[in-house]
Amino acid sequence: MSDCIFCKIINKEIPSEIVYEDELIMAFNDIEAKAPVHILIIPKKHISSLNKMEDEDGELISHIFKIISEIVKEKGIKESGYRVVNNCGENGGQTVDHLHFHVLGGRNLTWPPG
């Protein structure tokens, strides 16, 4: 989608601090970090939200979580703990209409989140 900020990041039209990339997904540091480690993981396929996933996207989501487990190990937060968040819809706090997961860690994360 031409007006999607995450699609522009995927297409390298907007710079980002990429921490992982392959043919299916990209992970980069959030520019508005809420924790010492705050990484966004997005599929390269434009899917506007979890509500718009198709049956065929199951393997993509599985791949995302496999890579999350590698990223948290690399960032040194696997043992201390981290949070994976997906905001879905307006009331869920979704501000970008492109499926994405936040990985937060590096400090004590309180509950409830907000």
PDB file of N, CA and C in Angstrom:
ATOM      1  N   MET A   1       0.846  -1.183   0.000  1.00  0.00           N
ATOM      2  CA  MET A   1       0.000   0.000   0.000  1.00  0.00           C
ATOM      3  C   MET A   1       0.887   1.240   0.000  1.00  0.00           C
ATOM      4  N   SER A   2       0.616   2.140  -0.886  1.00  0.00           N
ATOM      5  CA  SER A   2       1.498   3.280  -1.090  1.00  0.00           C
ATOM      6  C   SER A   2       1.516   4.265   0.078  1.00  0.00           C
ATOM      7  N   ASP A   3       0.454   4.334   0.886  1.00  0.00           N
ATOM      8  CA  ASP A   3       0.427   5.292   1.983  1.00  0.00           C
ATOM      9  C   ASP A   3       0.739   4.660   3.344  1.00  0.00           C
ATOM     10  N   CYS A   4       1.085   3.401   3.366  1.00  0.00           N
ATOM     11  CA  CYS A   4       1.371   2.691   4.610  1.00  0.00           C
ATOM     12  C   CYS A   4       2.825   2.940   5.029  1.00  0.00           C
ATOM     13  N   ILE A   5       3.014   3.485   6.235  1.00  0.00           N
ATOM     14  CA  ILE A   5       4.362   3.804   6.706  1.00  0.00           C
ATOM     15  C   ILE A   5       5.234   2.553   6.804  1.00  0.00           C
ATOM     16  N   PHE A   6       4.654   1.424   7.224  1.00  0.00           N
ATOM     17  CA  PHE A   6       5.456   0.209   7.333  1.00  0.00           C
ATOM     18  C   PHE A   6       5.820  -0.341   5.964  1.00  0.00           C
ATOM     19  N   CYS A   7       4.934  -0.217   4.993  1.00  0.00           N
ATOM     20  CA  CYS A   7       5.285  -0.632   3.631  1.00  0.00           C
ATOM     21  C   CYS A   7       6.422   0.236   3.088  1.00  0.00           C
ATOM     22  N   LYS A   8       6.421   1.511   3.436  1.00  0.00           N
ATOM     23  CA  LYS A   8       7.505   2.408   3.018  1.00  0.00           C
ATOM     24  C   LYS A   8       8.817   2.019   3.680  1.00  0.00           C
ATOM     25  N   ILE A   9       8.761   1.571   4.935  1.00  0.00           N
ATOM     26  CA  ILE A   9       9.975   1.096   5.606  1.00  0.00           C
ATOM     27  C   ILE A   9      10.477  -0.175   4.932  1.00  0.00           C
ATOM     28  N   ILE A  10       9.563  -1.086   4.618  1.00  0.00           N
ATOM     29  CA  ILE A  10       9.932  -2.325   3.915  1.00  0.00           C
ATOM     30  C   ILE A  10      10.612  -2.009   2.592  1.00  0.00           C
ATOM     31  N   ASN A  11      10.080  -1.030   1.876  1.00  0.00           N
ATOM     32  CA  ASN A  11      10.617  -0.647   0.566  1.00  0.00           C
ATOM     33  C   ASN A  11      11.814   0.281   0.658  1.00  0.00           C
ATOM     34  N   LYS A  12      12.279   0.547   1.896  1.00  0.00           N
ATOM     35  CA  LYS A  12      13.453   1.397   2.156  1.00  0.00           C
ATOM     36  C   LYS A  12      13.250   2.841   1.706  1.00  0.00           C
ATOM     37  N   GLU A  13      11.981   3.272   1.637  1.00  0.00           N
ATOM     38  CA  GLU A  13      11.662   4.664   1.341  1.00  0.00           C
ATOM     39  C   GLU A  13      11.802   5.526   2.593  1.00  0.00           C
ATOM     40  N   ILE A  14      11.679   4.890   3.755  1.00  0.00           N
ATOM     41  CA  ILE A  14      11.860   5.551   5.044  1.00  0.00           C
ATOM     42  C   ILE A  14      12.952   4.775   5.771  1.00  0.00           C
ATOM     43  N   PRO A  15      13.971   5.470   6.263  1.00  0.00           N
ATOM     44  CA  PRO A  15      15.050   4.750   6.962  1.00  0.00           C
ATOM     45  C   PRO A  15      14.582   4.184   8.301  1.00  0.00           C
ATOM     46  N   SER A  16      15.202   3.085   8.693  1.00  0.00           N
ATOM     47  CA  SER A  16      14.924   2.476   9.989  1.00  0.00           C
ATOM     48  C   SER A  16      16.168   1.724  10.451  1.00  0.00           C
ATOM     49  N   GLU A  17      16.217   1.458  11.743  1.00  0.00           N
ATOM     50  CA  GLU A  17      17.308   0.660  12.310  1.00  0.00           C
ATOM     51  C   GLU A  17      16.873  -0.801  12.280  1.00  0.00           C
ATOM     52  N   ILE A  18      17.189  -1.475  11.196  1.00  0.00           N
ATOM     53  CA  ILE A  18      16.762  -2.860  10.996  1.00  0.00           C
ATOM     54  C   ILE A  18      17.607  -3.783  11.869  1.00  0.00           C
ATOM     55  N   VAL A  19      16.930  -4.643  12.620  1.00  0.00           N
ATOM     56  CA  VAL A  19      17.638  -5.629  13.440  1.00  0.00           C
ATOM     57  C   VAL A  19      17.529  -7.033  12.849  1.00  0.00           C
ATOM     58  N   TYR A  20      16.579  -7.239  11.924  1.00  0.00           N
ATOM     59  CA  TYR A  20      16.442  -8.531  11.251  1.00  0.00           C
ATOM     60  C   TYR A  20      15.623  -8.316   9.991  1.00  0.00           C
ATOM     61  N   GLU A  21      15.989  -9.069   8.946  1.00  0.00           N
ATOM     62  CA  GLU A  21      15.208  -9.022   7.711  1.00  0.00           C
ATOM     63  C   GLU A  21      15.428 -10.309   6.939  1.00  0.00           C
ATOM     64  N   ASP A  22      14.343 -10.841   6.394  1.00  0.00           N
ATOM     65  CA  ASP A  22      14.413 -11.945   5.446  1.00  0.00           C
ATOM     66  C   ASP A  22      13.343 -11.714   4.383  1.00  0.00           C
ATOM     67  N   GLU A  23      13.049 -12.704   3.592  1.00  0.00           N
ATOM     68  CA  GLU A  23      12.104 -12.521   2.488  1.00  0.00           C
ATOM     69  C   GLU A  23      10.661 -12.334   2.953  1.00  0.00           C
ATOM     70  N   LEU A  24      10.359 -12.707   4.209  1.00  0.00           N
ATOM     71  CA  LEU A  24       8.985 -12.649   4.709  1.00  0.00           C
ATOM     72  C   LEU A  24       8.709 -11.521   5.692  1.00  0.00           C
ATOM     73  N   ILE A  25       9.715 -11.163   6.487  1.00  0.00           N
ATOM     74  CA  ILE A  25       9.476 -10.207   7.572  1.00  0.00           C
ATOM     75  C   ILE A  25      10.631  -9.230   7.731  1.00  0.00           C
ATOM     76  N   MET A  26      10.358  -8.192   8.517  1.00  0.00           N
ATOM     77  CA  MET A  26      11.385  -7.219   8.881  1.00  0.00           C
ATOM     78  C   MET A  26      11.172  -6.874  10.355  1.00  0.00           C
ATOM     79  N   ALA A  27      12.272  -6.677  11.065  1.00  0.00           N
ATOM     80  CA  ALA A  27      12.227  -6.232  12.458  1.00  0.00           C
ATOM     81  C   ALA A  27      13.128  -5.015  12.583  1.00  0.00           C
ATOM     82  N   PHE A  28      12.634  -3.994  13.274  1.00  0.00           N
ATOM     83  CA  PHE A  28      13.400  -2.763  13.416  1.00  0.00           C
ATOM     84  C   PHE A  28      13.076  -2.107  14.754  1.00  0.00           C
ATOM     85  N   ASN A  29      13.993  -1.253  15.210  1.00  0.00           N
ATOM     86  CA  ASN A  29      13.799  -0.533  16.461  1.00  0.00           C
ATOM     87  C   ASN A  29      12.669   0.475  16.316  1.00  0.00           C
ATOM     88  N   ASP A  30      11.812   0.525  17.334  1.00  0.00           N
ATOM     89  CA  ASP A  30      10.717   1.491  17.359  1.00  0.00           C
ATOM     90  C   ASP A  30      11.302   2.872  17.641  1.00  0.00           C
ATOM     91  N   ILE A  31      10.926   3.863  16.854  1.00  0.00           N
ATOM     92  CA  ILE A  31      11.461   5.215  17.048  1.00  0.00           C
ATOM     93  C   ILE A  31      10.857   5.899  18.276  1.00  0.00           C
ATOM     94  N   GLU A  32       9.759   5.348  18.798  1.00  0.00           N
ATOM     95  CA  GLU A  32       9.154   5.873  20.022  1.00  0.00           C
ATOM     96  C   GLU A  32       9.221   4.795  21.105  1.00  0.00           C
ATOM     97  N   ALA A  33      10.423   4.325  21.371  1.00  0.00           N
ATOM     98  CA  ALA A  33      10.636   3.195  22.278  1.00  0.00           C
ATOM     99  C   ALA A  33      10.024   3.444  23.651  1.00  0.00           C
ATOM    100  N   LYS A  34       9.357   2.425  24.166  1.00  0.00           N
ATOM    101  CA  LYS A  34       8.746   2.461  25.492  1.00  0.00           C
ATOM    102  C   LYS A  34       9.520   1.608  26.490  1.00  0.00           C
ATOM    103  N   ALA A  35      10.624   1.034  26.054  1.00  0.00           N
ATOM    104  CA  ALA A  35      11.486   0.205  26.899  1.00  0.00           C
ATOM    105  C   ALA A  35      12.879   0.233  26.279  1.00  0.00           C
ATOM    106  N   PRO A  36      13.905  -0.157  27.049  1.00  0.00           N
ATOM    107  CA  PRO A  36      15.259  -0.182  26.488  1.00  0.00           C
ATOM    108  C   PRO A  36      15.358  -1.020  25.201  1.00  0.00           C
ATOM    109  N   VAL A  37      14.628  -2.112  25.151  1.00  0.00           N
ATOM    110  CA  VAL A  37      14.497  -2.881  23.911  1.00  0.00           C
ATOM    111  C   VAL A  37      13.047  -2.735  23.477  1.00  0.00           C
ATOM    112  N   HIS A  38      12.824  -2.172  22.304  1.00  0.00           N
ATOM    113  CA  HIS A  38      11.472  -2.030  21.742  1.00  0.00           C
ATOM    114  C   HIS A  38      11.601  -2.190  20.236  1.00  0.00           C
ATOM    115  N   ILE A  39      11.276  -3.380  19.790  1.00  0.00           N
ATOM    116  CA  ILE A  39      11.436  -3.750  18.386  1.00  0.00           C
ATOM    117  C   ILE A  39      10.070  -4.046  17.792  1.00  0.00           C
ATOM    118  N   LEU A  40       9.856  -3.587  16.573  1.00  0.00           N
ATOM    119  CA  LEU A  40       8.643  -3.902  15.824  1.00  0.00           C
ATOM    120  C   LEU A  40       8.966  -4.992  14.816  1.00  0.00           C
ATOM    121  N   ILE A  41       8.097  -5.993  14.734  1.00  0.00           N
ATOM    122  CA  ILE A  41       8.255  -7.070  13.758  1.00  0.00           C
ATOM    123  C   ILE A  41       7.033  -7.014  12.847  1.00  0.00           C
ATOM    124  N   ILE A  42       7.288  -6.905  11.547  1.00  0.00           N
ATOM    125  CA  ILE A  42       6.199  -6.766  10.585  1.00  0.00           C
ATOM    126  C   ILE A  42       6.368  -7.753   9.438  1.00  0.00           C
ATOM    127  N   PRO A  43       5.241  -8.249   8.917  1.00  0.00           N
ATOM    128  CA  PRO A  43       5.341  -9.049   7.695  1.00  0.00           C
ATOM    129  C   PRO A  43       5.552  -8.118   6.501  1.00  0.00           C
ATOM    130  N   LYS A  44       6.257  -8.592   5.501  1.00  0.00           N
ATOM    131  CA  LYS A  44       6.434  -7.790   4.290  1.00  0.00           C
ATOM    132  C   LYS A  44       5.144  -7.772   3.468  1.00  0.00           C
ATOM    133  N   LYS A  45       4.334  -8.793   3.631  1.00  0.00           N
ATOM    134  CA  LYS A  45       3.012  -8.814   3.008  1.00  0.00           C
ATOM    135  C   LYS A  45       2.130  -7.847   3.782  1.00  0.00           C
ATOM    136  N   HIS A  46       1.454  -6.957   3.080  1.00  0.00           N
ATOM    137  CA  HIS A  46       0.580  -6.018   3.774  1.00  0.00           C
ATOM    138  C   HIS A  46      -0.680  -6.745   4.243  1.00  0.00           C
ATOM    139  N   ILE A  47      -0.796  -6.841   5.557  1.00  0.00           N
ATOM    140  CA  ILE A  47      -2.001  -7.349   6.215  1.00  0.00           C
ATOM    141  C   ILE A  47      -2.371  -6.256   7.198  1.00  0.00           C
ATOM    142  N   SER A  48      -3.565  -5.703   7.103  1.00  0.00           N
ATOM    143  CA  SER A  48      -3.883  -4.523   7.900  1.00  0.00           C
ATOM    144  C   SER A  48      -4.007  -4.805   9.397  1.00  0.00           C
ATOM    145  N   SER A  49      -4.422  -6.000   9.797  1.00  0.00           N
ATOM    146  CA  SER A  49      -4.527  -6.335  11.217  1.00  0.00           C
ATOM    147  C   SER A  49      -4.732  -7.840  11.365  1.00  0.00           C
ATOM    148  N   LEU A  50      -4.698  -8.300  12.603  1.00  0.00           N
ATOM    149  CA  LEU A  50      -5.001  -9.723  12.851  1.00  0.00           C
ATOM    150  C   LEU A  50      -6.375 -10.086  12.319  1.00  0.00           C
ATOM    151  N   ASN A  51      -7.299  -9.139  12.335  1.00  0.00           N
ATOM    152  CA  ASN A  51      -8.652  -9.392  11.839  1.00  0.00           C
ATOM    153  C   ASN A  51      -8.693  -9.672  10.341  1.00  0.00           C
ATOM    154  N   LYS A  52      -7.665  -9.324   9.627  1.00  0.00           N
ATOM    155  CA  LYS A  52      -7.637  -9.492   8.170  1.00  0.00           C
ATOM    156  C   LYS A  52      -6.763 -10.662   7.720  1.00  0.00           C
ATOM    157  N   MET A  53      -6.281 -11.442   8.676  1.00  0.00           N
ATOM    158  CA  MET A  53      -5.448 -12.591   8.312  1.00  0.00           C
ATOM    159  C   MET A  53      -6.270 -13.637   7.565  1.00  0.00           C
ATOM    160  N   GLU A  54      -5.613 -14.318   6.657  1.00  0.00           N
ATOM    161  CA  GLU A  54      -6.203 -15.418   5.900  1.00  0.00           C
ATOM    162  C   GLU A  54      -5.609 -16.719   6.428  1.00  0.00           C
ATOM    163  N   ASP A  55      -6.232 -17.838   6.121  1.00  0.00           N
ATOM    164  CA  ASP A  55      -5.716 -19.141   6.553  1.00  0.00           C
ATOM    165  C   ASP A  55      -4.261 -19.329   6.129  1.00  0.00           C
ATOM    166  N   GLU A  56      -3.923 -18.859   4.941  1.00  0.00           N
ATOM    167  CA  GLU A  56      -2.567 -19.025   4.407  1.00  0.00           C
ATOM    168  C   GLU A  56      -1.511 -18.246   5.188  1.00  0.00           C
ATOM    169  N   ASP A  57      -1.918 -17.322   6.045  1.00  0.00           N
ATOM    170  CA  ASP A  57      -0.972 -16.500   6.803  1.00  0.00           C
ATOM    171  C   ASP A  57      -0.482 -17.174   8.080  1.00  0.00           C
ATOM    172  N   GLY A  58      -0.996 -18.337   8.400  1.00  0.00           N
ATOM    173  CA  GLY A  58      -0.594 -19.034   9.622  1.00  0.00           C
ATOM    174  C   GLY A  58       0.895 -19.320   9.686  1.00  0.00           C
ATOM    175  N   GLU A  59       1.474 -19.764   8.589  1.00  0.00           N
ATOM    176  CA  GLU A  59       2.911 -20.053   8.569  1.00  0.00           C
ATOM    177  C   GLU A  59       3.733 -18.780   8.751  1.00  0.00           C
ATOM    178  N   LEU A  60       3.239 -17.669   8.227  1.00  0.00           N
ATOM    179  CA  LEU A  60       3.916 -16.385   8.383  1.00  0.00           C
ATOM    180  C   LEU A  60       3.956 -15.981   9.859  1.00  0.00           C
ATOM    181  N   ILE A  61       2.847 -16.139  10.543  1.00  0.00           N
ATOM    182  CA  ILE A  61       2.794 -15.785  11.968  1.00  0.00           C
ATOM    183  C   ILE A  61       3.716 -16.702  12.771  1.00  0.00           C
ATOM    184  N   SER A  62       3.726 -17.972  12.435  1.00  0.00           N
ATOM    185  CA  SER A  62       4.637 -18.909  13.095  1.00  0.00           C
ATOM    186  C   SER A  62       6.086 -18.481  12.884  1.00  0.00           C
ATOM    187  N   HIS A  63       6.419 -18.055  11.690  1.00  0.00           N
ATOM    188  CA  HIS A  63       7.772 -17.586  11.375  1.00  0.00           C
ATOM    189  C   HIS A  63       8.116 -16.343  12.203  1.00  0.00           C
ATOM    190  N   ILE A  64       7.167 -15.427  12.322  1.00  0.00           N
ATOM    191  CA  ILE A  64       7.397 -14.219  13.119  1.00  0.00           C
ATOM    192  C   ILE A  64       7.776 -14.603  14.545  1.00  0.00           C
ATOM    193  N   PHE A  65       7.041 -15.527  15.154  1.00  0.00           N
ATOM    194  CA  PHE A  65       7.326 -15.900  16.536  1.00  0.00           C
ATOM    195  C   PHE A  65       8.630 -16.684  16.672  1.00  0.00           C
ATOM    196  N   LYS A  66       8.998 -17.421  15.650  1.00  0.00           N
ATOM    197  CA  LYS A  66      10.302 -18.091  15.652  1.00  0.00           C
ATOM    198  C   LYS A  66      11.417 -17.047  15.670  1.00  0.00           C
ATOM    199  N   ILE A  67      11.283 -16.024  14.859  1.00  0.00           N
ATOM    200  CA  ILE A  67      12.303 -14.973  14.793  1.00  0.00           C
ATOM    201  C   ILE A  67      12.301 -14.140  16.074  1.00  0.00           C
ATOM    202  N   ILE A  68      11.137 -13.907  16.666  1.00  0.00           N
ATOM    203  CA  ILE A  68      11.099 -13.202  17.948  1.00  0.00           C
ATOM    204  C   ILE A  68      11.960 -13.943  18.963  1.00  0.00           C
ATOM    205  N   SER A  69      11.859 -15.266  19.005  1.00  0.00           N
ATOM    206  CA  SER A  69      12.654 -16.027  19.974  1.00  0.00           C
ATOM    207  C   SER A  69      14.150 -15.874  19.714  1.00  0.00           C
ATOM    208  N   GLU A  70      14.552 -15.701  18.468  1.00  0.00           N
ATOM    209  CA  GLU A  70      15.961 -15.468  18.145  1.00  0.00           C
ATOM    210  C   GLU A  70      16.386 -14.049  18.525  1.00  0.00           C
ATOM    211  N   ILE A  71      15.522 -13.076  18.260  1.00  0.00           N
ATOM    212  CA  ILE A  71      15.841 -11.678  18.550  1.00  0.00           C
ATOM    213  C   ILE A  71      16.005 -11.457  20.049  1.00  0.00           C
ATOM    214  N   VAL A  72      15.099 -12.007  20.873  1.00  0.00           N
ATOM    215  CA  VAL A  72      15.199 -11.770  22.322  1.00  0.00           C
ATOM    216  C   VAL A  72      16.453 -12.409  22.898  1.00  0.00           C
ATOM    217  N   LYS A  73      16.877 -13.520  22.312  1.00  0.00           N
ATOM    218  CA  LYS A  73      18.138 -14.131  22.745  1.00  0.00           C
ATOM    219  C   LYS A  73      19.303 -13.218  22.383  1.00  0.00           C
ATOM    220  N   GLU A  74      19.308 -12.723  21.128  1.00  0.00           N
ATOM    221  CA  GLU A  74      20.378 -11.840  20.654  1.00  0.00           C
ATOM    222  C   GLU A  74      20.436 -10.536  21.451  1.00  0.00           C
ATOM    223  N   LYS A  75      19.285 -10.005  21.855  1.00  0.00           N
ATOM    224  CA  LYS A  75      19.227  -8.741  22.602  1.00  0.00           C
ATOM    225  C   LYS A  75      19.452  -8.923  24.095  1.00  0.00           C
ATOM    226  N   GLY A  76      19.599 -10.168  24.537  1.00  0.00           N
ATOM    227  CA  GLY A  76      19.910 -10.429  25.939  1.00  0.00           C
ATOM    228  C   GLY A  76      18.744 -10.289  26.901  1.00  0.00           C
ATOM    229  N   ILE A  77      17.510 -10.439  26.403  1.00  0.00           N
ATOM    230  CA  ILE A  77      16.348 -10.303  27.280  1.00  0.00           C
ATOM    231  C   ILE A  77      15.554 -11.603  27.419  1.00  0.00           C
ATOM    232  N   LYS A  78      16.050 -12.664  26.825  1.00  0.00           N
ATOM    233  CA  LYS A  78      15.322 -13.938  26.872  1.00  0.00           C
ATOM    234  C   LYS A  78      15.124 -14.417  28.308  1.00  0.00           C
ATOM    235  N   GLU A  79      16.166 -14.373  29.102  1.00  0.00           N
ATOM    236  CA  GLU A  79      16.097 -14.902  30.459  1.00  0.00           C
ATOM    237  C   GLU A  79      15.437 -13.937  31.431  1.00  0.00           C
ATOM    238  N   SER A  80      15.668 -12.639  31.271  1.00  0.00           N
ATOM    239  CA  SER A  80      15.104 -11.659  32.211  1.00  0.00           C
ATOM    240  C   SER A  80      13.619 -11.414  31.971  1.00  0.00           C
ATOM    241  N   GLY A  81      13.172 -11.631  30.749  1.00  0.00           N
ATOM    242  CA  GLY A  81      11.759 -11.476  30.423  1.00  0.00           C
ATOM    243  C   GLY A  81      11.494 -10.373  29.430  1.00  0.00           C
ATOM    244  N   TYR A  82      10.400 -10.516  28.729  1.00  0.00           N
ATOM    245  CA  TYR A  82      10.006  -9.572  27.693  1.00  0.00           C
ATOM    246  C   TYR A  82       8.517  -9.718  27.443  1.00  0.00           C
ATOM    247  N   ARG A  83       7.983  -8.825  26.657  1.00  0.00           N
ATOM    248  CA  ARG A  83       6.559  -8.849  26.316  1.00  0.00           C
ATOM    249  C   ARG A  83       6.421  -8.738  24.805  1.00  0.00           C
ATOM    250  N   VAL A  84       5.475  -9.506  24.251  1.00  0.00           N
ATOM    251  CA  VAL A  84       5.113  -9.413  22.837  1.00  0.00           C
ATOM    252  C   VAL A  84       3.676  -8.899  22.793  1.00  0.00           C
ATOM    253  N   VAL A  85       3.470  -7.794  22.064  1.00  0.00           N
ATOM    254  CA  VAL A  85       2.161  -7.147  22.027  1.00  0.00           C
ATOM    255  C   VAL A  85       1.717  -6.962  20.585  1.00  0.00           C
ATOM    256  N   ASN A  86       0.419  -7.218  20.355  1.00  0.00           N
ATOM    257  CA  ASN A  86      -0.212  -6.865  19.089  1.00  0.00           C
ATOM    258  C   ASN A  86      -1.451  -6.054  19.421  1.00  0.00           C
ATOM    259  N   ASN A  87      -1.497  -4.829  18.926  1.00  0.00           N
ATOM    260  CA  ASN A  87      -2.679  -3.989  19.102  1.00  0.00           C
ATOM    261  C   ASN A  87      -3.570  -4.169  17.884  1.00  0.00           C
ATOM    262  N   CYS A  88      -4.855  -4.408  18.128  1.00  0.00           N
ATOM    263  CA  CYS A  88      -5.771  -4.673  17.020  1.00  0.00           C
ATOM    264  C   CYS A  88      -6.986  -3.753  17.129  1.00  0.00           C
ATOM    265  N   GLY A  89      -7.153  -2.927  16.123  1.00  0.00           N
ATOM    266  CA  GLY A  89      -8.293  -2.021  16.083  1.00  0.00           C
ATOM    267  C   GLY A  89      -8.077  -0.765  16.919  1.00  0.00           C
ATOM    268  N   GLU A  90      -8.970   0.186  16.730  1.00  0.00           N
ATOM    269  CA  GLU A  90      -8.850   1.487  17.393  1.00  0.00           C
ATOM    270  C   GLU A  90      -8.846   1.361  18.917  1.00  0.00           C
ATOM    271  N   ASN A  91      -9.788   0.642  19.482  1.00  0.00           N
ATOM    272  CA  ASN A  91      -9.842   0.502  20.933  1.00  0.00           C
ATOM    273  C   ASN A  91      -8.699  -0.343  21.476  1.00  0.00           C
ATOM    274  N   GLY A  92      -8.082  -1.145  20.628  1.00  0.00           N
ATOM    275  CA  GLY A  92      -6.928  -1.937  21.028  1.00  0.00           C
ATOM    276  C   GLY A  92      -5.623  -1.166  20.949  1.00  0.00           C
ATOM    277  N   GLY A  93      -5.689   0.054  20.442  1.00  0.00           N
ATOM    278  CA  GLY A  93      -4.502   0.900  20.377  1.00  0.00           C
ATOM    279  C   GLY A  93      -3.719   0.797  19.078  1.00  0.00           C
ATOM    280  N   GLN A  94      -4.290   0.165  18.053  1.00  0.00           N
ATOM    281  CA  GLN A  94      -3.578   0.050  16.779  1.00  0.00           C
ATOM    282  C   GLN A  94      -3.571   1.409  16.082  1.00  0.00           C
ATOM    283  N   THR A  95      -2.368   1.926  15.785  1.00  0.00           N
ATOM    284  CA  THR A  95      -2.252   3.235  15.135  1.00  0.00           C
ATOM    285  C   THR A  95      -1.725   3.147  13.707  1.00  0.00           C
ATOM    286  N   VAL A  96      -1.179   1.999  13.332  1.00  0.00           N
ATOM    287  CA  VAL A  96      -0.713   1.786  11.959  1.00  0.00           C
ATOM    288  C   VAL A  96      -1.457   0.567  11.416  1.00  0.00           C
ATOM    289  N   ASP A  97      -2.134   0.747  10.293  1.00  0.00           N
ATOM    290  CA  ASP A  97      -2.918  -0.343   9.709  1.00  0.00           C
ATOM    291  C   ASP A  97      -2.034  -1.288   8.898  1.00  0.00           C
ATOM    292  N   HIS A  98      -1.106  -1.917   9.597  1.00  0.00           N
ATOM    293  CA  HIS A  98      -0.235  -2.954   9.036  1.00  0.00           C
ATOM    294  C   HIS A  98       0.087  -3.852  10.226  1.00  0.00           C
ATOM    295  N   LEU A  99      -0.215  -5.116  10.105  1.00  0.00           N
ATOM    296  CA  LEU A  99       0.019  -6.057  11.197  1.00  0.00           C
ATOM    297  C   LEU A  99       1.441  -5.911  11.722  1.00  0.00           C
ATOM    298  N   HIS A 100       1.566  -5.791  13.034  1.00  0.00           N
ATOM    299  CA  HIS A 100       2.897  -5.685  13.636  1.00  0.00           C
ATOM    300  C   HIS A 100       2.847  -6.135  15.087  1.00  0.00           C
ATOM    301  N   PHE A 101       3.991  -6.596  15.545  1.00  0.00           N
ATOM    302  CA  PHE A 101       4.155  -7.055  16.906  1.00  0.00           C
ATOM    303  C   PHE A 101       5.253  -6.232  17.560  1.00  0.00           C
ATOM    304  N   HIS A 102       4.987  -5.791  18.774  1.00  0.00           N
ATOM    305  CA  HIS A 102       5.979  -5.079  19.575  1.00  0.00           C
ATOM    306  C   HIS A 102       6.674  -6.097  20.469  1.00  0.00           C
ATOM    307  N   VAL A 103       7.992  -6.042  20.526  1.00  0.00           N
ATOM    308  CA  VAL A 103       8.760  -6.823  21.495  1.00  0.00           C
ATOM    309  C   VAL A 103       9.400  -5.808  22.422  1.00  0.00           C
ATOM    310  N   LEU A 104       9.043  -5.893  23.713  1.00  0.00           N
ATOM    311  CA  LEU A 104       9.533  -4.943  24.712  1.00  0.00           C
ATOM    312  C   LEU A 104      10.259  -5.687  25.811  1.00  0.00           C
ATOM    313  N   GLY A 105      11.385  -5.130  26.247  1.00  0.00           N
ATOM    314  CA  GLY A 105      12.135  -5.738  27.330  1.00  0.00           C
ATOM    315  C   GLY A 105      13.248  -4.827  27.794  1.00  0.00           C
ATOM    316  N   GLY A 106      14.041  -5.349  28.717  1.00  0.00           N
ATOM    317  CA  GLY A 106      15.165  -4.576  29.229  1.00  0.00           C
ATOM    318  C   GLY A 106      14.838  -3.788  30.480  1.00  0.00           C
ATOM    319  N   ARG A 107      13.620  -3.920  30.987  1.00  0.00           N
ATOM    320  CA  ARG A 107      13.218  -3.294  32.243  1.00  0.00           C
ATOM    321  C   ARG A 107      12.015  -4.060  32.771  1.00  0.00           C
ATOM    322  N   ASN A 108      11.627  -3.770  34.013  1.00  0.00           N
ATOM    323  CA  ASN A 108      10.458  -4.398  34.603  1.00  0.00           C
ATOM    324  C   ASN A 108       9.218  -3.822  33.928  1.00  0.00           C
ATOM    325  N   LEU A 109       8.427  -4.665  33.292  1.00  0.00           N
ATOM    326  CA  LEU A 109       7.204  -4.245  32.609  1.00  0.00           C
ATOM    327  C   LEU A 109       6.029  -4.485  33.542  1.00  0.00           C
ATOM    328  N   THR A 110       5.301  -3.428  33.835  1.00  0.00           N
ATOM    329  CA  THR A 110       4.199  -3.544  34.787  1.00  0.00           C
ATOM    330  C   THR A 110       2.917  -4.019  34.101  1.00  0.00           C
ATOM    331  N   TRP A 111       1.951  -4.384  34.924  1.00  0.00           N
ATOM    332  CA  TRP A 111       0.649  -4.822  34.421  1.00  0.00           C
ATOM    333  C   TRP A 111      -0.420  -4.228  35.304  1.00  0.00           C
ATOM    334  N   PRO A 112      -1.530  -3.747  34.824  1.00  0.00           N
ATOM    335  CA  PRO A 112      -1.909  -3.750  33.421  1.00  0.00           C
ATOM    336  C   PRO A 112      -1.148  -2.690  32.619  1.00  0.00           C
ATOM    337  N   PRO A 113      -1.057  -2.912  31.302  1.00  0.00           N
ATOM    338  CA  PRO A 113      -0.231  -2.027  30.479  1.00  0.00           C
ATOM    339  C   PRO A 113      -0.838  -0.658  30.215  1.00  0.00           C
ATOM    340  N   GLY A 114      -2.157  -0.513  30.241  1.00  0.00           N
ATOM    341  CA  GLY A 114      -2.690   0.816  29.953  1.00  0.00           C
ATOM    342  C   GLY A 114      -4.168   0.859  29.832  1.00  0.00           C
TER     343      GLY A 114
END
